Structures are given as structure tokens and as C-alpha cells.
Amino acid sequence: MLEDNDIEKLLSAMEVKFPTKVDFENFKDEYHKDFSNLQTSVDTYAKKADTYFQEMVMLSHKVDRHEKWLQKLADKLGVKLDY
């Protein structure tokens, strides 16, 4: 039969080697915070990437518009543009 001393040894060994429900809850909370931080970072990057893409599209349209104006000016002046 187990004596009190043996039971104390078993309990102390379980505390060291086996996680408790409280330990798991702490780990789960920490994991949730890390995932939330990662999700926030990805969302921030996606927003910046989307803004950059929209700016590049607008810049491309602006360059096309200027190119058309230059082509019209060159036609009226009788100058051939090489590009």
C-alpha cells in the first residue's frame, strides 16, 4: 500500500512533468495573443500592399495620359517621337 511519503513523491513528480489545466489555459491564452498579433500584422501589410497597388495603377494611368498629350503635341508640331 502507498504511504503518505510515496503519494507526496508522486504528486511532486506530476507537477513537474505533467502540465495542469491551468498551465494549458495559460498556454492557450498566450497562443491566442500571438495569433492575434500575427493576424494584425498580416492585415496591416495587406492594407499597405493594396494601397500601393492602387497608387501604381493611378500612376500608370497618369503616365498614359501624359504620353497621349505628348503624342498629340508632337503630331501638331510635325515631330516624330521615338520611344
PDB file of N, CA and C in Angstrom:
ATOM      1  N   MET A   1       0.844  -1.181   0.000  1.00  0.00           N
ATOM      2  CA  MET A   1       0.000   0.000   0.000  1.00  0.00           C
ATOM      3  C   MET A   1       0.883   1.236   0.000  1.00  0.00           C
ATOM      4  N   LEU A   2       0.379   2.314  -0.594  1.00  0.00           N
ATOM      5  CA  LEU A   2       1.138   3.563  -0.665  1.00  0.00           C
ATOM      6  C   LEU A   2       1.078   4.312   0.656  1.00  0.00           C
ATOM      7  N   GLU A   3       2.215   4.826   1.017  1.00  0.00           N
ATOM      8  CA  GLU A   3       2.267   5.647   2.220  1.00  0.00           C
ATOM      9  C   GLU A   3       2.182   7.111   1.824  1.00  0.00           C
ATOM     10  N   ASP A   4       1.997   7.951   2.812  1.00  0.00           N
ATOM     11  CA  ASP A   4       1.892   9.390   2.559  1.00  0.00           C
ATOM     12  C   ASP A   4       3.133   9.931   1.861  1.00  0.00           C
ATOM     13  N   ASN A   5       4.271   9.440   2.225  1.00  0.00           N
ATOM     14  CA  ASN A   5       5.520   9.875   1.623  1.00  0.00           C
ATOM     15  C   ASN A   5       5.550   9.530   0.130  1.00  0.00           C
ATOM     16  N   ASP A   6       5.087   8.340  -0.225  1.00  0.00           N
ATOM     17  CA  ASP A   6       5.044   7.916  -1.624  1.00  0.00           C
ATOM     18  C   ASP A   6       4.066   8.770  -2.428  1.00  0.00           C
ATOM     19  N   ILE A   7       2.950   9.079  -1.849  1.00  0.00           N
ATOM     20  CA  ILE A   7       1.950   9.908  -2.527  1.00  0.00           C
ATOM     21  C   ILE A   7       2.499  11.306  -2.764  1.00  0.00           C
ATOM     22  N   GLU A   8       3.208  11.847  -1.779  1.00  0.00           N
ATOM     23  CA  GLU A   8       3.802  13.176  -1.939  1.00  0.00           C
ATOM     24  C   GLU A   8       4.838  13.174  -3.063  1.00  0.00           C
ATOM     25  N   LYS A   9       5.620  12.110  -3.146  1.00  0.00           N
ATOM     26  CA  LYS A   9       6.607  11.989  -4.225  1.00  0.00           C
ATOM     27  C   LYS A   9       5.918  11.945  -5.588  1.00  0.00           C
ATOM     28  N   LEU A  10       4.845  11.184  -5.681  1.00  0.00           N
ATOM     29  CA  LEU A  10       4.107  11.098  -6.945  1.00  0.00           C
ATOM     30  C   LEU A  10       3.505  12.446  -7.346  1.00  0.00           C
ATOM     31  N   LEU A  11       2.934  13.132  -6.375  1.00  0.00           N
ATOM     32  CA  LEU A  11       2.336  14.437  -6.665  1.00  0.00           C
ATOM     33  C   LEU A  11       3.386  15.450  -7.088  1.00  0.00           C
ATOM     34  N   SER A  12       4.533  15.429  -6.436  1.00  0.00           N
ATOM     35  CA  SER A  12       5.592  16.367  -6.826  1.00  0.00           C
ATOM     36  C   SER A  12       6.124  16.034  -8.213  1.00  0.00           C
ATOM     37  N   ALA A  13       6.207  14.765  -8.554  1.00  0.00           N
ATOM     38  CA  ALA A  13       6.655  14.373  -9.889  1.00  0.00           C
ATOM     39  C   ALA A  13       5.635  14.780 -10.945  1.00  0.00           C
ATOM     40  N   MET A  14       4.364  14.668 -10.656  1.00  0.00           N
ATOM     41  CA  MET A  14       3.324  15.044 -11.614  1.00  0.00           C
ATOM     42  C   MET A  14       3.319  16.542 -11.861  1.00  0.00           C
ATOM     43  N   GLU A  15       3.598  17.315 -10.846  1.00  0.00           N
ATOM     44  CA  GLU A  15       3.628  18.763 -11.002  1.00  0.00           C
ATOM     45  C   GLU A  15       4.735  19.184 -11.953  1.00  0.00           C
ATOM     46  N   VAL A  16       5.842  18.504 -11.906  1.00  0.00           N
ATOM     47  CA  VAL A  16       6.992  18.864 -12.721  1.00  0.00           C
ATOM     48  C   VAL A  16       6.826  18.367 -14.158  1.00  0.00           C
ATOM     49  N   LYS A  17       6.332  17.152 -14.332  1.00  0.00           N
ATOM     50  CA  LYS A  17       6.345  16.528 -15.647  1.00  0.00           C
ATOM     51  C   LYS A  17       5.044  16.671 -16.428  1.00  0.00           C
ATOM     52  N   PHE A  18       3.935  16.804 -15.777  1.00  0.00           N
ATOM     53  CA  PHE A  18       2.658  16.850 -16.468  1.00  0.00           C
ATOM     54  C   PHE A  18       2.040  18.233 -16.346  1.00  0.00           C
ATOM     55  N   PRO A  19       1.679  18.831 -17.452  1.00  0.00           N
ATOM     56  CA  PRO A  19       1.038  20.151 -17.362  1.00  0.00           C
ATOM     57  C   PRO A  19      -0.359  20.035 -16.754  1.00  0.00           C
ATOM     58  N   THR A  20      -0.717  21.029 -16.022  1.00  0.00           N
ATOM     59  CA  THR A  20      -2.040  21.064 -15.415  1.00  0.00           C
ATOM     60  C   THR A  20      -2.988  21.819 -16.331  1.00  0.00           C
ATOM     61  N   LYS A  21      -4.228  21.805 -15.954  1.00  0.00           N
ATOM     62  CA  LYS A  21      -5.230  22.520 -16.744  1.00  0.00           C
ATOM     63  C   LYS A  21      -4.933  24.015 -16.738  1.00  0.00           C
ATOM     64  N   VAL A  22      -4.452  24.538 -15.633  1.00  0.00           N
ATOM     65  CA  VAL A  22      -4.105  25.955 -15.537  1.00  0.00           C
ATOM     66  C   VAL A  22      -2.949  26.281 -16.486  1.00  0.00           C
ATOM     67  N   ASP A  23      -1.944  25.395 -16.521  1.00  0.00           N
ATOM     68  CA  ASP A  23      -0.825  25.590 -17.441  1.00  0.00           C
ATOM     69  C   ASP A  23      -1.315  25.620 -18.883  1.00  0.00           C
ATOM     70  N   PHE A  24      -2.205  24.683 -19.206  1.00  0.00           N
ATOM     71  CA  PHE A  24      -2.740  24.645 -20.558  1.00  0.00           C
ATOM     72  C   PHE A  24      -3.536  25.902 -20.887  1.00  0.00           C
ATOM     73  N   GLU A  25      -4.309  26.408 -19.947  1.00  0.00           N
ATOM     74  CA  GLU A  25      -5.082  27.629 -20.161  1.00  0.00           C
ATOM     75  C   GLU A  25      -4.146  28.818 -20.386  1.00  0.00           C
ATOM     76  N   ASN A  26      -3.075  28.901 -19.616  1.00  0.00           N
ATOM     77  CA  ASN A  26      -2.097  29.971 -19.802  1.00  0.00           C
ATOM     78  C   ASN A  26      -1.455  29.881 -21.182  1.00  0.00           C
ATOM     79  N   PHE A  27      -1.104  28.659 -21.588  1.00  0.00           N
ATOM     80  CA  PHE A  27      -0.523  28.454 -22.906  1.00  0.00           C
ATOM     81  C   PHE A  27      -1.521  28.842 -23.994  1.00  0.00           C
ATOM     82  N   LYS A  28      -2.772  28.451 -23.793  1.00  0.00           N
ATOM     83  CA  LYS A  28      -3.798  28.764 -24.784  1.00  0.00           C
ATOM     84  C   LYS A  28      -3.981  30.273 -24.908  1.00  0.00           C
ATOM     85  N   ASP A  29      -3.991  30.994 -23.796  1.00  0.00           N
ATOM     86  CA  ASP A  29      -4.124  32.449 -23.829  1.00  0.00           C
ATOM     87  C   ASP A  29      -2.938  33.086 -24.532  1.00  0.00           C
ATOM     88  N   GLU A  30      -1.742  32.603 -24.239  1.00  0.00           N
ATOM     89  CA  GLU A  30      -0.543  33.145 -24.881  1.00  0.00           C
ATOM     90  C   GLU A  30      -0.568  32.863 -26.383  1.00  0.00           C
ATOM     91  N   TYR A  31      -0.955  31.659 -26.755  1.00  0.00           N
ATOM     92  CA  TYR A  31      -1.051  31.280 -28.168  1.00  0.00           C
ATOM     93  C   TYR A  31      -2.083  32.162 -28.874  1.00  0.00           C
ATOM     94  N   HIS A  32      -3.200  32.428 -28.225  1.00  0.00           N
ATOM     95  CA  HIS A  32      -4.246  33.271 -28.809  1.00  0.00           C
ATOM     96  C   HIS A  32      -3.724  34.687 -29.034  1.00  0.00           C
ATOM     97  N   LYS A  33      -2.974  35.226 -28.067  1.00  0.00           N
ATOM     98  CA  LYS A  33      -2.410  36.570 -28.208  1.00  0.00           C
ATOM     99  C   LYS A  33      -1.410  36.619 -29.361  1.00  0.00           C
ATOM    100  N   ASP A  34      -0.554  35.596 -29.462  1.00  0.00           N
ATOM    101  CA  ASP A  34       0.421  35.546 -30.550  1.00  0.00           C
ATOM    102  C   ASP A  34      -0.268  35.478 -31.901  1.00  0.00           C
ATOM    103  N   PHE A  35      -1.292  34.650 -31.999  1.00  0.00           N
ATOM    104  CA  PHE A  35      -2.028  34.529 -33.259  1.00  0.00           C
ATOM    105  C   PHE A  35      -2.722  35.840 -33.596  1.00  0.00           C
ATOM    106  N   SER A  36      -3.281  36.494 -32.604  1.00  0.00           N
ATOM    107  CA  SER A  36      -3.948  37.771 -32.825  1.00  0.00           C
ATOM    108  C   SER A  36      -2.948  38.813 -33.317  1.00  0.00           C
ATOM    109  N   ASN A  37      -1.764  38.845 -32.720  1.00  0.00           N
ATOM    110  CA  ASN A  37      -0.731  39.777 -33.167  1.00  0.00           C
ATOM    111  C   ASN A  37      -0.302  39.482 -34.596  1.00  0.00           C
ATOM    112  N   LEU A  38      -0.161  38.219 -34.932  1.00  0.00           N
ATOM    113  CA  LEU A  38       0.212  37.837 -36.291  1.00  0.00           C
ATOM    114  C   LEU A  38      -0.869  38.237 -37.283  1.00  0.00           C
ATOM    115  N   GLN A  39      -2.115  38.020 -36.922  1.00  0.00           N
ATOM    116  CA  GLN A  39      -3.227  38.381 -37.794  1.00  0.00           C
ATOM    117  C   GLN A  39      -3.267  39.889 -38.016  1.00  0.00           C
ATOM    118  N   THR A  40      -3.018  40.672 -36.981  1.00  0.00           N
ATOM    119  CA  THR A  40      -2.989  42.130 -37.102  1.00  0.00           C
ATOM    120  C   THR A  40      -1.864  42.555 -38.037  1.00  0.00           C
ATOM    121  N   SER A  41      -0.714  41.918 -37.920  1.00  0.00           N
ATOM    122  CA  SER A  41       0.423  42.244 -38.785  1.00  0.00           C
ATOM    123  C   SER A  41       0.112  41.938 -40.247  1.00  0.00           C
ATOM    124  N   VAL A  42      -0.500  40.795 -40.493  1.00  0.00           N
ATOM    125  CA  VAL A  42      -0.845  40.418 -41.866  1.00  0.00           C
ATOM    126  C   VAL A  42      -1.883  41.381 -42.439  1.00  0.00           C
ATOM    127  N   ASP A  43      -2.882  41.753 -41.643  1.00  0.00           N
ATOM    128  CA  ASP A  43      -3.893  42.705 -42.102  1.00  0.00           C
ATOM    129  C   ASP A  43      -3.272  44.060 -42.433  1.00  0.00           C
ATOM    130  N   THR A  44      -2.340  44.516 -41.601  1.00  0.00           N
ATOM    131  CA  THR A  44      -1.672  45.792 -41.840  1.00  0.00           C
ATOM    132  C   THR A  44      -0.869  45.735 -43.130  1.00  0.00           C
ATOM    133  N   TYR A  45      -0.134  44.646 -43.334  1.00  0.00           N
ATOM    134  CA  TYR A  45       0.646  44.501 -44.560  1.00  0.00           C
ATOM    135  C   TYR A  45      -0.260  44.439 -45.784  1.00  0.00           C
ATOM    136  N   ALA A  46      -1.364  43.723 -45.690  1.00  0.00           N
ATOM    137  CA  ALA A  46      -2.291  43.615 -46.821  1.00  0.00           C
ATOM    138  C   ALA A  46      -2.865  44.979 -47.177  1.00  0.00           C
ATOM    139  N   LYS A  47      -3.181  45.788 -46.186  1.00  0.00           N
ATOM    140  CA  LYS A  47      -3.711  47.131 -46.443  1.00  0.00           C
ATOM    141  C   LYS A  47      -2.666  47.988 -47.138  1.00  0.00           C
ATOM    142  N   LYS A  48      -1.432  47.923 -46.676  1.00  0.00           N
ATOM    143  CA  LYS A  48      -0.363  48.697 -47.305  1.00  0.00           C
ATOM    144  C   LYS A  48      -0.123  48.232 -48.743  1.00  0.00           C
ATOM    145  N   ALA A  49      -0.147  46.925 -48.962  1.00  0.00           N
ATOM    146  CA  ALA A  49       0.056  46.386 -50.305  1.00  0.00           C
ATOM    147  C   ALA A  49      -1.077  46.817 -51.228  1.00  0.00           C
ATOM    148  N   ASP A  50      -2.306  46.809 -50.735  1.00  0.00           N
ATOM    149  CA  ASP A  50      -3.449  47.231 -51.541  1.00  0.00           C
ATOM    150  C   ASP A  50      -3.347  48.709 -51.895  1.00  0.00           C
ATOM    151  N   THR A  51      -2.973  49.530 -50.925  1.00  0.00           N
ATOM    152  CA  THR A  51      -2.802  50.960 -51.174  1.00  0.00           C
ATOM    153  C   THR A  51      -1.710  51.194 -52.211  1.00  0.00           C
ATOM    154  N   TYR A  52      -0.599  50.482 -52.092  1.00  0.00           N
ATOM    155  CA  TYR A  52       0.495  50.611 -53.047  1.00  0.00           C
ATOM    156  C   TYR A  52       0.039  50.211 -54.449  1.00  0.00           C
ATOM    157  N   PHE A  53      -0.695  49.115 -54.565  1.00  0.00           N
ATOM    158  CA  PHE A  53      -1.180  48.661 -55.867  1.00  0.00           C
ATOM    159  C   PHE A  53      -2.088  49.713 -56.498  1.00  0.00           C
ATOM    160  N   GLN A  54      -2.997  50.287 -55.705  1.00  0.00           N
ATOM    161  CA  GLN A  54      -3.895  51.321 -56.226  1.00  0.00           C
ATOM    162  C   GLN A  54      -3.108  52.548 -56.688  1.00  0.00           C
ATOM    163  N   GLU A  55      -2.074  52.938 -55.943  1.00  0.00           N
ATOM    164  CA  GLU A  55      -1.250  54.078 -56.336  1.00  0.00           C
ATOM    165  C   GLU A  55      -0.515  53.797 -57.645  1.00  0.00           C
ATOM    166  N   MET A  56      -0.035  52.576 -57.807  1.00  0.00           N
ATOM    167  CA  MET A  56       0.670  52.221 -59.042  1.00  0.00           C
ATOM    168  C   MET A  56      -0.280  52.238 -60.240  1.00  0.00           C
ATOM    169  N   VAL A  57      -1.511  51.797 -60.055  1.00  0.00           N
ATOM    170  CA  VAL A  57      -2.497  51.836 -61.141  1.00  0.00           C
ATOM    171  C   VAL A  57      -2.789  53.286 -61.521  1.00  0.00           C
ATOM    172  N   MET A  58      -2.961  54.140 -60.510  1.00  0.00           N
ATOM    173  CA  MET A  58      -3.230  55.551 -60.785  1.00  0.00           C
ATOM    174  C   MET A  58      -2.035  56.199 -61.483  1.00  0.00           C
ATOM    175  N   LEU A  59      -0.829  55.882 -61.064  1.00  0.00           N
ATOM    176  CA  LEU A  59       0.364  56.434 -61.681  1.00  0.00           C
ATOM    177  C   LEU A  59       0.485  55.969 -63.124  1.00  0.00           C
ATOM    178  N   SER A  60       0.160  54.725 -63.373  1.00  0.00           N
ATOM    179  CA  SER A  60       0.213  54.191 -64.734  1.00  0.00           C
ATOM    180  C   SER A  60      -0.769  54.931 -65.641  1.00  0.00           C
ATOM    181  N   HIS A  61      -1.973  55.188 -65.156  1.00  0.00           N
ATOM    182  CA  HIS A  61      -2.956  55.930 -65.951  1.00  0.00           C
ATOM    183  C   HIS A  61      -2.481  57.356 -66.209  1.00  0.00           C
ATOM    184  N   LYS A  62      -1.849  57.951 -65.218  1.00  0.00           N
ATOM    185  CA  LYS A  62      -1.338  59.314 -65.364  1.00  0.00           C
ATOM    186  C   LYS A  62      -0.241  59.359 -66.428  1.00  0.00           C
ATOM    187  N   VAL A  63       0.659  58.387 -66.409  1.00  0.00           N
ATOM    188  CA  VAL A  63       1.729  58.337 -67.408  1.00  0.00           C
ATOM    189  C   VAL A  63       1.140  58.114 -68.797  1.00  0.00           C
ATOM    190  N   ASP A  64       0.150  57.253 -68.923  1.00  0.00           N
ATOM    191  CA  ASP A  64      -0.505  57.024 -70.214  1.00  0.00           C
ATOM    192  C   ASP A  64      -1.150  58.307 -70.729  1.00  0.00           C
ATOM    193  N   ARG A  65      -1.797  59.032 -69.839  1.00  0.00           N
ATOM    194  CA  ARG A  65      -2.441  60.290 -70.218  1.00  0.00           C
ATOM    195  C   ARG A  65      -1.393  61.307 -70.702  1.00  0.00           C
ATOM    196  N   HIS A  66      -0.297  61.439 -69.984  1.00  0.00           N
ATOM    197  CA  HIS A  66       0.766  62.361 -70.407  1.00  0.00           C
ATOM    198  C   HIS A  66       1.373  61.931 -71.738  1.00  0.00           C
ATOM    199  N   GLU A  67       1.510  60.646 -71.923  1.00  0.00           N
ATOM    200  CA  GLU A  67       2.053  60.128 -73.181  1.00  0.00           C
ATOM    201  C   GLU A  67       1.153  60.497 -74.356  1.00  0.00           C
ATOM    202  N   LYS A  68      -0.155  60.405 -74.163  1.00  0.00           N
ATOM    203  CA  LYS A  68      -1.100  60.786 -75.224  1.00  0.00           C
ATOM    204  C   LYS A  68      -0.986  62.274 -75.525  1.00  0.00           C
ATOM    205  N   TRP A  69      -0.865  63.106 -74.493  1.00  0.00           N
ATOM    206  CA  TRP A  69      -0.728  64.546 -74.703  1.00  0.00           C
ATOM    207  C   TRP A  69       0.548  64.865 -75.487  1.00  0.00           C
ATOM    208  N   LEU A  70       1.625  64.207 -75.114  1.00  0.00           N
ATOM    209  CA  LEU A  70       2.884  64.434 -75.824  1.00  0.00           C
ATOM    210  C   LEU A  70       2.789  63.978 -77.280  1.00  0.00           C
ATOM    211  N   GLN A  71       2.101  62.872 -77.502  1.00  0.00           N
ATOM    212  CA  GLN A  71       1.935  62.375 -78.878  1.00  0.00           C
ATOM    213  C   GLN A  71       1.114  63.363 -79.702  1.00  0.00           C
ATOM    214  N   LYS A  72       0.050  63.925 -79.116  1.00  0.00           N
ATOM    215  CA  LYS A  72      -0.769  64.917 -79.823  1.00  0.00           C
ATOM    216  C   LYS A  72       0.039  66.169 -80.122  1.00  0.00           C
ATOM    217  N   LEU A  73       0.842  66.624 -79.150  1.00  0.00           N
ATOM    218  CA  LEU A  73       1.691  67.802 -79.384  1.00  0.00           C
ATOM    219  C   LEU A  73       2.700  67.533 -80.492  1.00  0.00           C
ATOM    220  N   ALA A  74       3.292  66.360 -80.469  1.00  0.00           N
ATOM    221  CA  ALA A  74       4.280  66.011 -81.483  1.00  0.00           C
ATOM    222  C   ALA A  74       3.630  65.960 -82.868  1.00  0.00           C
ATOM    223  N   ASP A  75       2.412  65.432 -82.960  1.00  0.00           N
ATOM    224  CA  ASP A  75       1.707  65.378 -84.244  1.00  0.00           C
ATOM    225  C   ASP A  75       1.420  66.774 -84.765  1.00  0.00           C
ATOM    226  N   LYS A  76       0.993  67.685 -83.887  1.00  0.00           N
ATOM    227  CA  LYS A  76       0.680  69.051 -84.314  1.00  0.00           C
ATOM    228  C   LYS A  76       1.938  69.820 -84.726  1.00  0.00           C
ATOM    229  N   LEU A  77       3.053  69.502 -84.077  1.00  0.00           N
ATOM    230  CA  LEU A  77       4.302  70.190 -84.410  1.00  0.00           C
ATOM    231  C   LEU A  77       5.043  69.499 -85.547  1.00  0.00           C
ATOM    232  N   GLY A  78       4.606  68.334 -85.932  1.00  0.00           N
ATOM    233  CA  GLY A  78       5.254  67.604 -87.011  1.00  0.00           C
ATOM    234  C   GLY A  78       6.556  66.931 -86.581  1.00  0.00           C
ATOM    235  N   VAL A  79       6.633  66.589 -85.321  1.00  0.00           N
ATOM    236  CA  VAL A  79       7.839  65.951 -84.778  1.00  0.00           C
ATOM    237  C   VAL A  79       7.532  64.488 -84.554  1.00  0.00           C
ATOM    238  N   LYS A  80       8.512  63.661 -84.982  1.00  0.00           N
ATOM    239  CA  LYS A  80       8.333  62.233 -84.779  1.00  0.00           C
ATOM    240  C   LYS A  80       8.966  61.846 -83.444  1.00  0.00           C
ATOM    241  N   LEU A  81       8.189  61.171 -82.596  1.00  0.00           N
ATOM    242  CA  LEU A  81       8.687  60.732 -81.293  1.00  0.00           C
ATOM    243  C   LEU A  81       9.173  59.296 -81.385  1.00  0.00           C
ATOM    244  N   ASP A  82      10.387  59.057 -80.907  1.00  0.00           N
ATOM    245  CA  ASP A  82      10.934  57.708 -80.859  1.00  0.00           C
ATOM    246  C   ASP A  82      10.975  57.251 -79.405  1.00  0.00           C
ATOM    247  N   TYR A  83      10.272  56.182 -79.131  1.00  0.00           N
ATOM    248  CA  TYR A  83      10.322  55.591 -77.795  1.00  0.00           C
ATOM    249  C   TYR A  83       9.949  54.149 -77.828  1.00  0.00           C
TER     250      TYR A  83
END
